[in-house]
């Protein structure tokens, strides 16, 4: 779970962070990169959340697990 860093909450910074990463054959995540960031604190938290996520399901090709690149966006919002 991504947590809105206190410094960005205090300054009212919110937005959507776009990331790309590789899901390995064992379901672990590697090579996390920011495609479009908002603020260094939010970007760092987005990377931390992806790296801390539970194992993903690997891609399948001809019935065998393969690595694949995935893109995702995480939204940091103050809520109401």
PDB file of N, CA and C in Angstrom:
ATOM      1  N   UNK A   1       0.850  -1.182   0.000  1.00  0.00           N
ATOM      2  CA  UNK A   1       0.000   0.000   0.000  1.00  0.00           C
ATOM      3  C   UNK A   1       0.886   1.232   0.000  1.00  0.00           C
ATOM      4  N   UNK A   2       0.620   2.147  -0.921  1.00  0.00           N
ATOM      5  CA  UNK A   2       1.363   3.402  -0.967  1.00  0.00           C
ATOM      6  C   UNK A   2       0.777   4.361   0.064  1.00  0.00           C
ATOM      7  N   UNK A   3       1.647   5.021   0.780  1.00  0.00           N
ATOM      8  CA  UNK A   3       1.220   5.962   1.810  1.00  0.00           C
ATOM      9  C   UNK A   3       1.663   7.348   1.393  1.00  0.00           C
ATOM     10  N   UNK A   4       0.749   8.289   1.455  1.00  0.00           N
ATOM     11  CA  UNK A   4       1.036   9.673   1.100  1.00  0.00           C
ATOM     12  C   UNK A   4       2.046  10.221   2.103  1.00  0.00           C
ATOM     13  N   UNK A   5       3.289  10.542   1.677  1.00  0.00           N
ATOM     14  CA  UNK A   5       4.297  11.051   2.608  1.00  0.00           C
ATOM     15  C   UNK A   5       3.836  12.338   3.305  1.00  0.00           C
ATOM     16  N   UNK A   6       4.120  12.470   4.608  1.00  0.00           N
ATOM     17  CA  UNK A   6       3.676  13.658   5.366  1.00  0.00           C
ATOM     18  C   UNK A   6       4.111  14.980   4.748  1.00  0.00           C
ATOM     19  N   UNK A   7       5.331  15.059   4.210  1.00  0.00           N
ATOM     20  CA  UNK A   7       5.801  16.329   3.655  1.00  0.00           C
ATOM     21  C   UNK A   7       4.951  16.769   2.467  1.00  0.00           C
ATOM     22  N   UNK A   8       4.494  15.808   1.665  1.00  0.00           N
ATOM     23  CA  UNK A   8       3.653  16.167   0.517  1.00  0.00           C
ATOM     24  C   UNK A   8       2.235  16.484   0.977  1.00  0.00           C
ATOM     25  N   UNK A   9       1.777  15.826   2.039  1.00  0.00           N
ATOM     26  CA  UNK A   9       0.456  16.159   2.600  1.00  0.00           C
ATOM     27  C   UNK A   9       0.456  17.583   3.121  1.00  0.00           C
ATOM     28  N   UNK A  10       1.501  17.942   3.869  1.00  0.00           N
ATOM     29  CA  UNK A  10       1.597  19.284   4.447  1.00  0.00           C
ATOM     30  C   UNK A  10       1.625  20.365   3.385  1.00  0.00           C
ATOM     31  N   UNK A  11       2.194  20.047   2.214  1.00  0.00           N
ATOM     32  CA  UNK A  11       2.305  21.031   1.134  1.00  0.00           C
ATOM     33  C   UNK A  11       1.211  20.879   0.078  1.00  0.00           C
ATOM     34  N   UNK A  12       0.261  19.977   0.301  1.00  0.00           N
ATOM     35  CA  UNK A  12      -0.861  19.802  -0.620  1.00  0.00           C
ATOM     36  C   UNK A  12      -0.462  19.223  -1.966  1.00  0.00           C
ATOM     37  N   UNK A  13       0.626  18.473  -2.017  1.00  0.00           N
ATOM     38  CA  UNK A  13       1.089  17.894  -3.285  1.00  0.00           C
ATOM     39  C   UNK A  13       0.379  16.562  -3.503  1.00  0.00           C
ATOM     40  N   UNK A  14      -0.225  16.423  -4.677  1.00  0.00           N
ATOM     41  CA  UNK A  14      -0.903  15.181  -5.033  1.00  0.00           C
ATOM     42  C   UNK A  14      -0.786  14.983  -6.529  1.00  0.00           C
ATOM     43  N   UNK A  15      -1.099  13.813  -7.000  1.00  0.00           N
ATOM     44  CA  UNK A  15      -1.034  13.551  -8.433  1.00  0.00           C
ATOM     45  C   UNK A  15      -0.840  12.086  -8.742  1.00  0.00           C
ATOM     46  N   UNK A  16      -0.578  11.812 -10.009  1.00  0.00           N
ATOM     47  CA  UNK A  16      -0.456  10.444 -10.511  1.00  0.00           C
ATOM     48  C   UNK A  16       0.992  10.191 -10.933  1.00  0.00           C
ATOM     49  N   UNK A  17       1.577   9.119 -10.400  1.00  0.00           N
ATOM     50  CA  UNK A  17       2.941   8.721 -10.736  1.00  0.00           C
ATOM     51  C   UNK A  17       2.857   7.523 -11.684  1.00  0.00           C
ATOM     52  N   UNK A  18       3.509   7.629 -12.838  1.00  0.00           N
ATOM     53  CA  UNK A  18       3.529   6.555 -13.829  1.00  0.00           C
ATOM     54  C   UNK A  18       4.851   5.807 -13.710  1.00  0.00           C
ATOM     55  N   UNK A  19       4.765   4.480 -13.591  1.00  0.00           N
ATOM     56  CA  UNK A  19       5.958   3.644 -13.423  1.00  0.00           C
ATOM     57  C   UNK A  19       5.968   2.503 -14.422  1.00  0.00           C
ATOM     58  N   UNK A  20       7.154   1.960 -14.647  1.00  0.00           N
ATOM     59  CA  UNK A  20       7.312   0.725 -15.391  1.00  0.00           C
ATOM     60  C   UNK A  20       8.229  -0.175 -14.582  1.00  0.00           C
ATOM     61  N   UNK A  21       8.025  -1.479 -14.688  1.00  0.00           N
ATOM     62  CA  UNK A  21       8.855  -2.438 -13.966  1.00  0.00           C
ATOM     63  C   UNK A  21       8.764  -3.787 -14.646  1.00  0.00           C
ATOM     64  N   UNK A  22       9.671  -4.678 -14.253  1.00  0.00           N
ATOM     65  CA  UNK A  22       9.706  -6.025 -14.814  1.00  0.00           C
ATOM     66  C   UNK A  22       9.209  -7.004 -13.758  1.00  0.00           C
ATOM     67  N   UNK A  23       8.290  -7.874 -14.153  1.00  0.00           N
ATOM     68  CA  UNK A  23       7.864  -8.977 -13.299  1.00  0.00           C
ATOM     69  C   UNK A  23       8.691 -10.183 -13.745  1.00  0.00           C
ATOM     70  N   UNK A  24       9.493 -10.708 -12.826  1.00  0.00           N
ATOM     71  CA  UNK A  24      10.390 -11.822 -13.123  1.00  0.00           C
ATOM     72  C   UNK A  24       9.613 -13.144 -13.176  1.00  0.00           C
ATOM     73  N   UNK A  25      10.278 -14.198 -13.631  1.00  0.00           N
ATOM     74  CA  UNK A  25       9.636 -15.510 -13.755  1.00  0.00           C
ATOM     75  C   UNK A  25       9.110 -16.038 -12.422  1.00  0.00           C
ATOM     76  N   UNK A  26       9.749 -15.637 -11.320  1.00  0.00           N
ATOM     77  CA  UNK A  26       9.292 -16.092  -9.998  1.00  0.00           C
ATOM     78  C   UNK A  26       8.245 -15.164  -9.383  1.00  0.00           C
ATOM     79  N   UNK A  27       7.839 -14.120 -10.113  1.00  0.00           N
ATOM     80  CA  UNK A  27       6.817 -13.197  -9.634  1.00  0.00           C
ATOM     81  C   UNK A  27       7.361 -11.988  -8.900  1.00  0.00           C
ATOM     82  N   UNK A  28       8.667 -11.939  -8.671  1.00  0.00           N
ATOM     83  CA  UNK A  28       9.258 -10.776  -8.003  1.00  0.00           C
ATOM     84  C   UNK A  28       9.336  -9.600  -8.976  1.00  0.00           C
ATOM     85  N   UNK A  29       9.522  -8.410  -8.430  1.00  0.00           N
ATOM     86  CA  UNK A  29       9.560  -7.176  -9.215  1.00  0.00           C
ATOM     87  C   UNK A  29      10.997  -6.667  -9.278  1.00  0.00           C
ATOM     88  N   UNK A  30      11.410  -6.196 -10.458  1.00  0.00           N
ATOM     89  CA  UNK A  30      12.736  -5.603 -10.615  1.00  0.00           C
ATOM     90  C   UNK A  30      12.662  -4.445 -11.598  1.00  0.00           C
ATOM     91  N   UNK A  31      13.740  -3.718 -11.715  1.00  0.00           N
ATOM     92  CA  UNK A  31      13.902  -2.642 -12.695  1.00  0.00           C
ATOM     93  C   UNK A  31      12.733  -1.644 -12.655  1.00  0.00           C
ATOM     94  N   UNK A  32      12.433  -1.114 -11.486  1.00  0.00           N
ATOM     95  CA  UNK A  32      11.353  -0.132 -11.350  1.00  0.00           C
ATOM     96  C   UNK A  32      11.878   1.231 -11.791  1.00  0.00           C
ATOM     97  N   UNK A  33      11.150   1.884 -12.699  1.00  0.00           N
ATOM     98  CA  UNK A  33      11.540   3.206 -13.196  1.00  0.00           C
ATOM     99  C   UNK A  33      10.317   4.115 -13.236  1.00  0.00           C
ATOM    100  N   UNK A  34      10.546   5.376 -12.933  1.00  0.00           N
ATOM    101  CA  UNK A  34       9.493   6.389 -13.026  1.00  0.00           C
ATOM    102  C   UNK A  34       9.424   6.866 -14.477  1.00  0.00           C
ATOM    103  N   UNK A  35       8.251   6.790 -15.077  1.00  0.00           N
ATOM    104  CA  UNK A  35       8.057   7.310 -16.431  1.00  0.00           C
ATOM    105  C   UNK A  35       7.670   8.784 -16.385  1.00  0.00           C
ATOM    106  N   UNK A  36       6.777   9.101 -15.448  1.00  0.00           N
ATOM    107  CA  UNK A  36       6.344  10.483 -15.261  1.00  0.00           C
ATOM    108  C   UNK A  36       6.045  10.657 -13.775  1.00  0.00           C
ATOM    109  N   UNK A  37       6.800  11.516 -13.142  1.00  0.00           N
ATOM    110  CA  UNK A  37       6.642  11.723 -11.708  1.00  0.00           C
ATOM    111  C   UNK A  37       5.909  13.003 -11.373  1.00  0.00           C
ATOM    112  N   UNK A  38       5.683  13.191 -10.080  1.00  0.00           N
ATOM    113  CA  UNK A  38       4.992  14.377  -9.576  1.00  0.00           C
ATOM    114  C   UNK A  38       5.936  15.178  -8.692  1.00  0.00           C
ATOM    115  N   UNK A  39       6.513  14.507  -7.714  1.00  0.00           N
ATOM    116  CA  UNK A  39       7.375  15.105  -6.709  1.00  0.00           C
ATOM    117  C   UNK A  39       8.301  13.994  -6.224  1.00  0.00           C
ATOM    118  N   UNK A  40       9.539  14.313  -5.882  1.00  0.00           N
ATOM    119  CA  UNK A  40      10.498  13.276  -5.476  1.00  0.00           C
ATOM    120  C   UNK A  40       9.957  12.406  -4.355  1.00  0.00           C
ATOM    121  N   UNK A  41       9.294  12.993  -3.374  1.00  0.00           N
ATOM    122  CA  UNK A  41       8.752  12.210  -2.251  1.00  0.00           C
ATOM    123  C   UNK A  41       7.680  11.235  -2.716  1.00  0.00           C
ATOM    124  N   UNK A  42       6.778  11.681  -3.582  1.00  0.00           N
ATOM    125  CA  UNK A  42       5.733  10.795  -4.105  1.00  0.00           C
ATOM    126  C   UNK A  42       6.331   9.731  -5.013  1.00  0.00           C
ATOM    127  N   UNK A  43       7.291  10.126  -5.839  1.00  0.00           N
ATOM    128  CA  UNK A  43       7.940   9.175  -6.734  1.00  0.00           C
ATOM    129  C   UNK A  43       8.632   8.073  -5.932  1.00  0.00           C
ATOM    130  N   UNK A  44       9.374   8.463  -4.895  1.00  0.00           N
ATOM    131  CA  UNK A  44      10.070   7.485  -4.051  1.00  0.00           C
ATOM    132  C   UNK A  44       9.090   6.541  -3.361  1.00  0.00           C
ATOM    133  N   UNK A  45       7.961   7.061  -2.903  1.00  0.00           N
ATOM    134  CA  UNK A  45       6.956   6.229  -2.239  1.00  0.00           C
ATOM    135  C   UNK A  45       6.319   5.256  -3.220  1.00  0.00           C
ATOM    136  N   UNK A  46       6.096   5.703  -4.453  1.00  0.00           N
ATOM    137  CA  UNK A  46       5.531   4.820  -5.479  1.00  0.00           C
ATOM    138  C   UNK A  46       6.478   3.653  -5.760  1.00  0.00           C
ATOM    139  N   UNK A  47       7.771   3.935  -5.882  1.00  0.00           N
ATOM    140  CA  UNK A  47       8.768   2.877  -6.121  1.00  0.00           C
ATOM    141  C   UNK A  47       8.790   1.928  -4.928  1.00  0.00           C
ATOM    142  N   UNK A  48       8.780   2.465  -3.709  1.00  0.00           N
ATOM    143  CA  UNK A  48       8.797   1.645  -2.500  1.00  0.00           C
ATOM    144  C   UNK A  48       7.585   0.718  -2.459  1.00  0.00           C
ATOM    145  N   UNK A  49       6.413   1.256  -2.809  1.00  0.00           N
ATOM    146  CA  UNK A  49       5.182   0.460  -2.773  1.00  0.00           C
ATOM    147  C   UNK A  49       5.232  -0.690  -3.781  1.00  0.00           C
ATOM    148  N   UNK A  50       5.739  -0.437  -4.975  1.00  0.00           N
ATOM    149  CA  UNK A  50       5.830  -1.491  -5.994  1.00  0.00           C
ATOM    150  C   UNK A  50       6.831  -2.560  -5.556  1.00  0.00           C
ATOM    151  N   UNK A  51       7.984  -2.140  -5.044  1.00  0.00           N
ATOM    152  CA  UNK A  51       8.990  -3.111  -4.603  1.00  0.00           C
ATOM    153  C   UNK A  51       8.506  -3.929  -3.406  1.00  0.00           C
ATOM    154  N   UNK A  52       7.638  -3.356  -2.579  1.00  0.00           N
ATOM    155  CA  UNK A  52       7.133  -4.051  -1.393  1.00  0.00           C
ATOM    156  C   UNK A  52       5.876  -4.874  -1.678  1.00  0.00           C
ATOM    157  N   UNK A  53       5.371  -4.803  -2.896  1.00  0.00           N
ATOM    158  CA  UNK A  53       4.129  -5.502  -3.221  1.00  0.00           C
ATOM    159  C   UNK A  53       4.334  -7.018  -3.168  1.00  0.00           C
ATOM    160  N   UNK A  54       3.241  -7.761  -2.928  1.00  0.00           N
ATOM    161  CA  UNK A  54       3.340  -9.228  -2.953  1.00  0.00           C
ATOM    162  C   UNK A  54       3.764  -9.691  -4.356  1.00  0.00           C
ATOM    163  N   UNK A  55       4.180 -10.928  -4.454  1.00  0.00           N
ATOM    164  CA  UNK A  55       4.598 -11.465  -5.756  1.00  0.00           C
ATOM    165  C   UNK A  55       3.464 -11.351  -6.775  1.00  0.00           C
ATOM    166  N   UNK A  56       3.843 -11.025  -8.002  1.00  0.00           N
ATOM    167  CA  UNK A  56       2.906 -10.925  -9.103  1.00  0.00           C
ATOM    168  C   UNK A  56       2.862 -12.267  -9.826  1.00  0.00           C
ATOM    169  N   UNK A  57       1.868 -12.449 -10.672  1.00  0.00           N
ATOM    170  CA  UNK A  57       1.813 -13.641 -11.526  1.00  0.00           C
ATOM    171  C   UNK A  57       2.684 -13.362 -12.742  1.00  0.00           C
ATOM    172  N   UNK A  58       3.642 -14.225 -13.027  1.00  0.00           N
ATOM    173  CA  UNK A  58       4.508 -13.980 -14.187  1.00  0.00           C
ATOM    174  C   UNK A  58       3.733 -14.158 -15.488  1.00  0.00           C
ATOM    175  N   UNK A  59       4.302 -13.641 -16.575  1.00  0.00           N
ATOM    176  CA  UNK A  59       3.711 -13.858 -17.881  1.00  0.00           C
ATOM    177  C   UNK A  59       3.868 -15.324 -18.276  1.00  0.00           C
ATOM    178  N   UNK A  60       3.027 -15.775 -19.159  1.00  0.00           N
ATOM    179  CA  UNK A  60       3.123 -17.153 -19.642  1.00  0.00           C
ATOM    180  C   UNK A  60       3.282 -17.144 -21.151  1.00  0.00           C
ATOM    181  N   UNK A  61       4.206 -17.980 -21.627  1.00  0.00           N
ATOM    182  CA  UNK A  61       4.400 -18.153 -23.059  1.00  0.00           C
ATOM    183  C   UNK A  61       4.627 -19.637 -23.301  1.00  0.00           C
ATOM    184  N   UNK A  62       3.739 -20.235 -24.080  1.00  0.00           N
ATOM    185  CA  UNK A  62       3.772 -21.685 -24.338  1.00  0.00           C
ATOM    186  C   UNK A  62       3.788 -22.475 -23.030  1.00  0.00           C
ATOM    187  N   UNK A  63       3.028 -21.997 -22.068  1.00  0.00           N
ATOM    188  CA  UNK A  63       2.890 -22.689 -20.797  1.00  0.00           C
ATOM    189  C   UNK A  63       4.037 -22.507 -19.819  1.00  0.00           C
ATOM    190  N   UNK A  64       5.024 -21.699 -20.178  1.00  0.00           N
ATOM    191  CA  UNK A  64       6.175 -21.461 -19.297  1.00  0.00           C
ATOM    192  C   UNK A  64       6.164 -20.029 -18.793  1.00  0.00           C
ATOM    193  N   UNK A  65       6.608 -19.855 -17.542  1.00  0.00           N
ATOM    194  CA  UNK A  65       6.700 -18.524 -16.951  1.00  0.00           C
ATOM    195  C   UNK A  65       7.802 -17.728 -17.647  1.00  0.00           C
ATOM    196  N   UNK A  66       7.493 -16.464 -17.976  1.00  0.00           N
ATOM    197  CA  UNK A  66       8.464 -15.573 -18.610  1.00  0.00           C
ATOM    198  C   UNK A  66       8.429 -14.209 -17.932  1.00  0.00           C
ATOM    199  N   UNK A  67       9.522 -13.483 -18.065  1.00  0.00           N
ATOM    200  CA  UNK A  67       9.582 -12.105 -17.568  1.00  0.00           C
ATOM    201  C   UNK A  67       8.710 -11.230 -18.470  1.00  0.00           C
ATOM    202  N   UNK A  68       8.131 -10.174 -17.887  1.00  0.00           N
ATOM    203  CA  UNK A  68       7.433  -9.210 -18.731  1.00  0.00           C
ATOM    204  C   UNK A  68       7.475  -7.835 -18.098  1.00  0.00           C
ATOM    205  N   UNK A  69       7.436  -6.833 -18.957  1.00  0.00           N
ATOM    206  CA  UNK A  69       7.439  -5.433 -18.514  1.00  0.00           C
ATOM    207  C   UNK A  69       5.997  -5.004 -18.307  1.00  0.00           C
ATOM    208  N   UNK A  70       5.774  -4.259 -17.235  1.00  0.00           N
ATOM    209  CA  UNK A  70       4.434  -3.825 -16.863  1.00  0.00           C
ATOM    210  C   UNK A  70       4.466  -2.331 -16.617  1.00  0.00           C
ATOM    211  N   UNK A  71       3.394  -1.629 -16.959  1.00  0.00           N
ATOM    212  CA  UNK A  71       3.260  -0.206 -16.666  1.00  0.00           C
ATOM    213  C   UNK A  71       2.045  -0.015 -15.779  1.00  0.00           C
ATOM    214  N   UNK A  72       2.176   0.899 -14.832  1.00  0.00           N
ATOM    215  CA  UNK A  72       1.096   1.154 -13.890  1.00  0.00           C
ATOM    216  C   UNK A  72       1.159   2.612 -13.455  1.00  0.00           C
ATOM    217  N   UNK A  73       0.036   3.135 -12.997  1.00  0.00           N
ATOM    218  CA  UNK A  73       0.042   4.472 -12.403  1.00  0.00           C
ATOM    219  C   UNK A  73      -0.521   4.360 -10.993  1.00  0.00           C
ATOM    220  N   UNK A  74       0.065   5.121 -10.087  1.00  0.00           N
ATOM    221  CA  UNK A  74      -0.422   5.197  -8.715  1.00  0.00           C
ATOM    222  C   UNK A  74      -0.885   6.624  -8.463  1.00  0.00           C
ATOM    223  N   UNK A  75      -2.081   6.761  -7.925  1.00  0.00           N
ATOM    224  CA  UNK A  75      -2.656   8.079  -7.668  1.00  0.00           C
ATOM    225  C   UNK A  75      -2.508   8.403  -6.188  1.00  0.00           C
ATOM    226  N   UNK A  76      -1.920   9.565  -5.915  1.00  0.00           N
ATOM    227  CA  UNK A  76      -1.811  10.072  -4.551  1.00  0.00           C
ATOM    228  C   UNK A  76      -2.779  11.237  -4.446  1.00  0.00           C
ATOM    229  N   UNK A  77      -3.786  11.074  -3.598  1.00  0.00           N
ATOM    230  CA  UNK A  77      -4.839  12.066  -3.462  1.00  0.00           C
ATOM    231  C   UNK A  77      -5.075  12.372  -1.992  1.00  0.00           C
ATOM    232  N   UNK A  78      -5.436  13.604  -1.709  1.00  0.00           N
ATOM    233  CA  UNK A  78      -5.724  13.998  -0.333  1.00  0.00           C
ATOM    234  C   UNK A  78      -7.069  13.462   0.124  1.00  0.00           C
ATOM    235  N   UNK A  79      -7.950  13.170  -0.820  1.00  0.00           N
ATOM    236  CA  UNK A  79      -9.284  12.690  -0.464  1.00  0.00           C
ATOM    237  C   UNK A  79     -10.112  13.816   0.144  1.00  0.00           C
ATOM    238  N   UNK A  80     -11.322  13.516   0.399  1.00  0.00           N
ATOM    239  CA  UNK A  80     -12.213  14.525   0.990  1.00  0.00           C
ATOM    240  C   UNK A  80     -12.978  13.911   2.113  1.00  0.00           C
TER     241      UNK A  80
END
